[in-house]
Amino acid sequence: MGQATKRFLAGTVLITYTLFLFYWMFFAFSRTKGSEFRYNLTPFSTIRNYFTYYDHFPFHIWVINMAGNIGVFIPFGIILPVLFPRLTNFFRFIVVFIIGITSLEVLQLFSMLGSFDVDDIILNTIGAVIGFILLFVIRGRKRGRKKRR
């Protein structure tokens, strides 16, 4: 598969997946009419509560908020460096990702759709970093196989 084809596929996946997440973040799990608007500006506060009071939350809520906030952003760590080669630099990737995800969280804050939580930024970034690491592990294995041939 050629580089142009890979980038086209990565771009298509990025746009589709981003639109899905945008809908999910702003509409699918947004507050119901009349519910209280909440936000968290204290790092690790929500994360600490989920671990300290794990028995107070239904399991599916815990999974969605902890594993879900990490897992759904793993693809960004894979797709962004494929689509934008300048983002193969880890520091540059982290800066761009944090700016992007913080912008979405701030948009949630001001639109009052969804809820702003600094811990979401932390968990989402962990997910993107996992994806970034996976990409380079996969690329390293491919290079290793090519050298052995």
C-alpha atoms as a PDB file:
ATOM      1  CA  MET A   1       0.000   0.000   0.000  1.00  0.00           C
ATOM      2  CA  GLY A   2       1.424   3.343  -1.059  1.00  0.00           C
ATOM      3  CA  GLN A   3       2.054   6.286   1.253  1.00  0.00           C
ATOM      4  CA  ALA A   4      -0.666   8.384  -0.435  1.00  0.00           C
ATOM      5  CA  THR A   5      -3.213   5.590   0.044  1.00  0.00           C
ATOM      6  CA  LYS A   6      -2.252   5.202   3.716  1.00  0.00           C
ATOM      7  CA  ARG A   7      -2.633   8.936   4.287  1.00  0.00           C
ATOM      8  CA  PHE A   8      -5.995   9.009   2.470  1.00  0.00           C
ATOM      9  CA  LEU A   9      -7.293   6.122   4.596  1.00  0.00           C
ATOM     10  CA  ALA A  10      -5.922   7.726   7.766  1.00  0.00           C
ATOM     11  CA  GLY A  11      -7.622  11.020   6.860  1.00  0.00           C
ATOM     12  CA  THR A  12     -10.930   9.295   6.171  1.00  0.00           C
ATOM     13  CA  VAL A  13     -10.756   7.402   9.467  1.00  0.00           C
ATOM     14  CA  LEU A  14      -9.742  10.563  11.359  1.00  0.00           C
ATOM     15  CA  ILE A  15     -12.647  12.612  10.008  1.00  0.00           C
ATOM     16  CA  THR A  16     -15.212   9.850  10.552  1.00  0.00           C
ATOM     17  CA  TYR A  17     -13.964   8.996  14.033  1.00  0.00           C
ATOM     18  CA  THR A  18     -13.722  12.676  15.054  1.00  0.00           C
ATOM     19  CA  LEU A  19     -17.303  13.325  13.948  1.00  0.00           C
ATOM     20  CA  PHE A  20     -18.444  10.284  15.924  1.00  0.00           C
ATOM     21  CA  LEU A  21     -16.621  11.477  19.052  1.00  0.00           C
ATOM     22  CA  PHE A  22     -17.874  15.032  18.591  1.00  0.00           C
ATOM     23  CA  TYR A  23     -21.460  13.720  18.539  1.00  0.00           C
ATOM     24  CA  TRP A  24     -20.738  11.475  21.515  1.00  0.00           C
ATOM     25  CA  MET A  25     -19.091  14.234  23.589  1.00  0.00           C
ATOM     26  CA  PHE A  26     -21.646  16.954  22.859  1.00  0.00           C
ATOM     27  CA  PHE A  27     -24.953  15.225  22.258  1.00  0.00           C
ATOM     28  CA  ALA A  28     -25.118  11.515  23.129  1.00  0.00           C
ATOM     29  CA  PHE A  29     -23.941  11.951  26.714  1.00  0.00           C
ATOM     30  CA  SER A  30     -24.778  15.591  27.249  1.00  0.00           C
ATOM     31  CA  ARG A  31     -26.832  16.763  30.163  1.00  0.00           C
ATOM     32  CA  THR A  32     -30.548  16.255  30.053  1.00  0.00           C
ATOM     33  CA  LYS A  33     -32.701  19.364  30.085  1.00  0.00           C
ATOM     34  CA  GLY A  34     -32.967  20.731  33.600  1.00  0.00           C
ATOM     35  CA  SER A  35     -30.015  18.731  34.946  1.00  0.00           C
ATOM     36  CA  GLU A  36     -27.292  20.562  36.816  1.00  0.00           C
ATOM     37  CA  PHE A  37     -24.272  21.773  34.830  1.00  0.00           C
ATOM     38  CA  ARG A  38     -21.054  20.495  36.355  1.00  0.00           C
ATOM     39  CA  TYR A  39     -17.384  21.025  35.724  1.00  0.00           C
ATOM     40  CA  ASN A  40     -14.127  20.032  37.388  1.00  0.00           C
ATOM     41  CA  LEU A  41     -11.015  22.205  37.298  1.00  0.00           C
ATOM     42  CA  THR A  42      -9.048  20.233  39.931  1.00  0.00           C
ATOM     43  CA  PRO A  43      -6.617  17.732  38.378  1.00  0.00           C
ATOM     44  CA  PHE A  44      -7.113  14.109  39.505  1.00  0.00           C
ATOM     45  CA  SER A  45     -10.229  14.951  41.536  1.00  0.00           C
ATOM     46  CA  THR A  46     -12.646  12.864  39.447  1.00  0.00           C
ATOM     47  CA  ILE A  47     -10.073  10.114  38.934  1.00  0.00           C
ATOM     48  CA  ARG A  48      -9.423   9.925  42.681  1.00  0.00           C
ATOM     49  CA  ASN A  49     -13.167   9.773  43.395  1.00  0.00           C
ATOM     50  CA  TYR A  50     -13.654   6.897  40.967  1.00  0.00           C
ATOM     51  CA  PHE A  51     -10.915   4.893  42.675  1.00  0.00           C
ATOM     52  CA  THR A  52     -11.662   5.904  46.269  1.00  0.00           C
ATOM     53  CA  TYR A  53     -15.424   5.455  46.014  1.00  0.00           C
ATOM     54  CA  TYR A  54     -15.510   2.756  43.321  1.00  0.00           C
ATOM     55  CA  ASP A  55     -18.256   0.901  45.188  1.00  0.00           C
ATOM     56  CA  HIS A  56     -20.546   3.967  44.959  1.00  0.00           C
ATOM     57  CA  PHE A  57     -20.656   3.931  41.147  1.00  0.00           C
ATOM     58  CA  PRO A  58     -22.370   1.416  38.901  1.00  0.00           C
ATOM     59  CA  PHE A  59     -19.668  -0.614  37.145  1.00  0.00           C
ATOM     60  CA  HIS A  60     -20.655   0.551  33.657  1.00  0.00           C
ATOM     61  CA  ILE A  61     -20.347   4.211  34.720  1.00  0.00           C
ATOM     62  CA  TRP A  62     -16.887   3.518  36.137  1.00  0.00           C
ATOM     63  CA  VAL A  63     -15.794   1.762  32.927  1.00  0.00           C
ATOM     64  CA  ILE A  64     -17.184   4.511  30.662  1.00  0.00           C
ATOM     65  CA  ASN A  65     -15.502   7.264  32.661  1.00  0.00           C
ATOM     66  CA  MET A  66     -12.148   5.611  33.291  1.00  0.00           C
ATOM     67  CA  ALA A  67     -11.414   3.061  30.569  1.00  0.00           C
ATOM     68  CA  GLY A  68     -13.642   4.777  28.014  1.00  0.00           C
ATOM     69  CA  ASN A  69     -11.921   8.148  28.333  1.00  0.00           C
ATOM     70  CA  ILE A  70      -8.615   6.402  27.702  1.00  0.00           C
ATOM     71  CA  GLY A  71      -9.662   3.815  25.121  1.00  0.00           C
ATOM     72  CA  VAL A  72     -11.565   6.020  22.697  1.00  0.00           C
ATOM     73  CA  PHE A  73      -8.543   8.271  22.205  1.00  0.00           C
ATOM     74  CA  ILE A  74      -6.013   5.517  21.442  1.00  0.00           C
ATOM     75  CA  PRO A  75      -6.804   5.761  17.689  1.00  0.00           C
ATOM     76  CA  PHE A  76      -5.717   9.427  17.663  1.00  0.00           C
ATOM     77  CA  GLY A  77      -2.242   8.393  18.806  1.00  0.00           C
ATOM     78  CA  ILE A  78      -2.036   6.098  15.805  1.00  0.00           C
ATOM     79  CA  ILE A  79      -3.804   8.120  13.123  1.00  0.00           C
ATOM     80  CA  LEU A  80      -2.420  11.630  13.738  1.00  0.00           C
ATOM     81  CA  PRO A  81       1.286  10.714  13.235  1.00  0.00           C
ATOM     82  CA  VAL A  82       0.397   8.694  10.111  1.00  0.00           C
ATOM     83  CA  LEU A  83      -1.564  11.578   8.645  1.00  0.00           C
ATOM     84  CA  PHE A  84       0.772  14.343   9.802  1.00  0.00           C
ATOM     85  CA  PRO A  85       4.413  13.131   9.741  1.00  0.00           C
ATOM     86  CA  ARG A  86       5.569  16.152  11.779  1.00  0.00           C
ATOM     87  CA  LEU A  87       3.616  14.634  14.686  1.00  0.00           C
ATOM     88  CA  THR A  88       5.972  11.652  14.860  1.00  0.00           C
ATOM     89  CA  ASN A  89       7.916  13.844  17.281  1.00  0.00           C
ATOM     90  CA  PHE A  90       6.495  12.880  20.687  1.00  0.00           C
ATOM     91  CA  PHE A  91       6.690  16.368  22.228  1.00  0.00           C
ATOM     92  CA  ARG A  92       5.031  17.986  19.209  1.00  0.00           C
ATOM     93  CA  PHE A  93       2.336  15.277  19.214  1.00  0.00           C
ATOM     94  CA  ILE A  94       1.546  15.822  22.912  1.00  0.00           C
ATOM     95  CA  VAL A  95       1.351  19.604  22.546  1.00  0.00           C
ATOM     96  CA  VAL A  96      -0.970  19.400  19.521  1.00  0.00           C
ATOM     97  CA  PHE A  97      -3.158  16.733  21.140  1.00  0.00           C
ATOM     98  CA  ILE A  98      -3.492  18.586  24.459  1.00  0.00           C
ATOM     99  CA  ILE A  99      -4.377  21.835  22.672  1.00  0.00           C
ATOM    100  CA  GLY A 100      -7.009  19.994  20.618  1.00  0.00           C
ATOM    101  CA  ILE A 101      -8.620  18.072  23.461  1.00  0.00           C
ATOM    102  CA  THR A 102      -8.538  21.104  25.771  1.00  0.00           C
ATOM    103  CA  SER A 103     -10.292  23.121  23.060  1.00  0.00           C
ATOM    104  CA  LEU A 104     -13.060  20.508  22.909  1.00  0.00           C
ATOM    105  CA  GLU A 105     -13.435  20.476  26.687  1.00  0.00           C
ATOM    106  CA  VAL A 106     -13.596  24.289  26.787  1.00  0.00           C
ATOM    107  CA  LEU A 107     -16.215  24.167  24.032  1.00  0.00           C
ATOM    108  CA  GLN A 108     -18.218  21.797  26.240  1.00  0.00           C
ATOM    109  CA  LEU A 109     -17.841  24.255  29.128  1.00  0.00           C
ATOM    110  CA  PHE A 110     -19.078  27.288  27.207  1.00  0.00           C
ATOM    111  CA  SER A 111     -21.769  25.475  25.215  1.00  0.00           C
ATOM    112  CA  MET A 112     -22.988  23.704  28.371  1.00  0.00           C
ATOM    113  CA  LEU A 113     -23.241  20.510  26.314  1.00  0.00           C
ATOM    114  CA  GLY A 114     -21.514  17.691  28.118  1.00  0.00           C
ATOM    115  CA  SER A 115     -19.331  18.729  31.031  1.00  0.00           C
ATOM    116  CA  PHE A 116     -15.835  20.133  31.346  1.00  0.00           C
ATOM    117  CA  ASP A 117     -13.480  17.964  33.374  1.00  0.00           C
ATOM    118  CA  VAL A 118      -9.723  18.496  33.490  1.00  0.00           C
ATOM    119  CA  ASP A 119      -9.430  14.784  34.338  1.00  0.00           C
ATOM    120  CA  ASP A 120     -10.955  13.973  30.936  1.00  0.00           C
ATOM    121  CA  ILE A 121      -8.038  15.840  29.364  1.00  0.00           C
ATOM    122  CA  ILE A 122      -5.600  13.754  31.428  1.00  0.00           C
ATOM    123  CA  LEU A 123      -7.313  10.433  30.603  1.00  0.00           C
ATOM    124  CA  ASN A 124      -7.769  11.300  26.919  1.00  0.00           C
ATOM    125  CA  THR A 125      -4.083  12.219  26.681  1.00  0.00           C
ATOM    126  CA  ILE A 126      -3.092   8.894  28.284  1.00  0.00           C
ATOM    127  CA  GLY A 127      -5.145   7.151  25.598  1.00  0.00           C
ATOM    128  CA  ALA A 128      -3.495   9.114  22.791  1.00  0.00           C
ATOM    129  CA  VAL A 129      -0.035   8.362  24.222  1.00  0.00           C
ATOM    130  CA  ILE A 130      -0.872   4.636  24.334  1.00  0.00           C
ATOM    131  CA  GLY A 131      -1.854   4.821  20.668  1.00  0.00           C
ATOM    132  CA  PHE A 132       1.327   6.755  19.831  1.00  0.00           C
ATOM    133  CA  ILE A 133       3.449   4.089  21.542  1.00  0.00           C
ATOM    134  CA  LEU A 134       1.532   1.284  19.797  1.00  0.00           C
ATOM    135  CA  LEU A 135       2.177   2.890  16.411  1.00  0.00           C
ATOM    136  CA  PHE A 136       5.919   2.983  16.995  1.00  0.00           C
ATOM    137  CA  VAL A 137       5.976  -0.572  18.374  1.00  0.00           C
ATOM    138  CA  ILE A 138       4.158  -1.763  15.236  1.00  0.00           C
ATOM    139  CA  ARG A 139       6.473   0.243  12.967  1.00  0.00           C
ATOM    140  CA  GLY A 140       9.515  -1.118  14.814  1.00  0.00           C
ATOM    141  CA  ARG A 141       8.363  -4.702  14.345  1.00  0.00           C
ATOM    142  CA  LYS A 142       7.753  -4.121  10.630  1.00  0.00           C
ATOM    143  CA  ARG A 143      11.267  -2.696  10.237  1.00  0.00           C
ATOM    144  CA  GLY A 144      12.682  -5.644  12.170  1.00  0.00           C
ATOM    145  CA  ARG A 145      10.951  -8.135   9.841  1.00  0.00           C
ATOM    146  CA  LYS A 146      12.199  -6.275   6.751  1.00  0.00           C
ATOM    147  CA  LYS A 147      15.820  -6.375   8.031  1.00  0.00           C
ATOM    148  CA  ARG A 148      15.629 -10.150   8.632  1.00  0.00           C
ATOM    149  CA  ARG A 149      14.542 -10.849   5.033  1.00  0.00           C
END
